[in-house]
């Protein structure tokens, strides 16, 4: 991840398995948002999430997409 952050580039804090905070820059948020849009607009994509992680993660993804300002 890029360490290039500006005052106008508010970062989204995410935590990994170790509970360490990850800073996500503007370009990374853009990528995550696009991946979520493609996945959540696809029944196969949502099915894979349900299969691997459980149904609650589809809702988690939808909430994350809203927090990222879905297009």
Protein backbone atom coordinates (compact mmCIF):
# COMPACT_ATOMS: atom_id res chain seq x y z
CA UNK A 1 0.00 0.00 0.00
CA UNK A 2 1.11 3.48 -0.74
CA UNK A 3 2.37 5.70 2.05
CA UNK A 4 1.52 8.79 -0.02
CA UNK A 5 -1.38 10.38 1.89
CA UNK A 6 -2.59 13.97 1.84
CA UNK A 7 -4.84 15.93 4.16
CA UNK A 8 -7.62 15.82 1.57
CA UNK A 9 -7.26 12.05 1.10
CA UNK A 10 -9.15 10.65 4.08
CA UNK A 11 -8.21 7.03 4.62
CA UNK A 12 -10.53 4.16 5.45
CA UNK A 13 -9.32 2.13 8.42
CA UNK A 14 -9.62 -1.63 8.05
CA UNK A 15 -8.41 -4.25 10.46
CA UNK A 16 -6.89 -7.57 9.49
CA UNK A 17 -6.87 -10.87 11.38
CA UNK A 18 -4.32 -9.52 13.84
CA UNK A 19 -6.51 -6.44 14.49
CA UNK A 20 -3.78 -4.24 13.03
CA UNK A 21 -5.19 -1.18 11.30
CA UNK A 22 -4.59 -0.84 7.59
CA UNK A 23 -4.65 2.51 5.87
CA UNK A 24 -6.29 2.42 2.45
CA UNK A 25 -5.52 5.29 0.08
CA UNK A 26 -7.82 6.80 -2.56
CA UNK A 27 -6.74 4.48 -5.38
CA UNK A 28 -7.03 1.40 -3.18
CA UNK A 29 -10.53 2.45 -2.07
CA UNK A 30 -11.46 2.93 -5.72
CA UNK A 31 -10.29 -0.61 -6.51
CA UNK A 32 -12.06 -2.14 -3.50
CA UNK A 33 -15.26 -0.29 -4.41
CA UNK A 34 -15.11 -1.55 -8.01
CA UNK A 35 -14.43 -5.13 -6.93
CA UNK A 36 -17.34 -5.01 -4.50
CA UNK A 37 -19.68 -3.57 -7.14
CA UNK A 38 -18.78 -6.33 -9.62
CA UNK A 39 -19.00 -9.09 -7.01
CA UNK A 40 -22.21 -7.96 -5.32
CA UNK A 41 -23.98 -7.38 -8.65
CA UNK A 42 -23.28 -11.00 -9.59
CA UNK A 43 -25.26 -13.89 -8.14
CA UNK A 44 -22.20 -16.11 -8.69
CA UNK A 45 -20.04 -13.60 -6.83
CA UNK A 46 -22.42 -13.40 -3.89
CA UNK A 47 -22.72 -17.19 -3.94
CA UNK A 48 -18.96 -17.58 -3.65
CA UNK A 49 -18.89 -15.21 -0.69
CA UNK A 50 -21.70 -17.16 1.00
CA UNK A 51 -19.94 -20.47 0.31
CA UNK A 52 -16.50 -19.40 1.54
CA UNK A 53 -17.37 -16.97 4.33
CA UNK A 54 -21.08 -17.18 5.11
CA UNK A 55 -24.16 -15.13 4.26
CA UNK A 56 -23.34 -12.42 6.80
CA UNK A 57 -20.32 -11.45 4.68
CA UNK A 58 -22.53 -10.53 1.73
CA UNK A 59 -24.27 -8.03 4.01
CA UNK A 60 -20.89 -6.91 5.33
CA UNK A 61 -19.74 -6.30 1.75
CA UNK A 62 -22.88 -4.31 0.97
CA UNK A 63 -22.35 -2.18 4.07
CA UNK A 64 -18.68 -1.64 3.18
CA UNK A 65 -19.70 -0.59 -0.31
CA UNK A 66 -22.11 1.97 1.14
CA UNK A 67 -19.36 3.26 3.45
CA UNK A 68 -17.04 3.60 0.45
CA UNK A 69 -19.69 5.62 -1.38
CA UNK A 70 -21.01 3.18 -3.93
CA UNK A 71 -21.10 4.58 -7.48
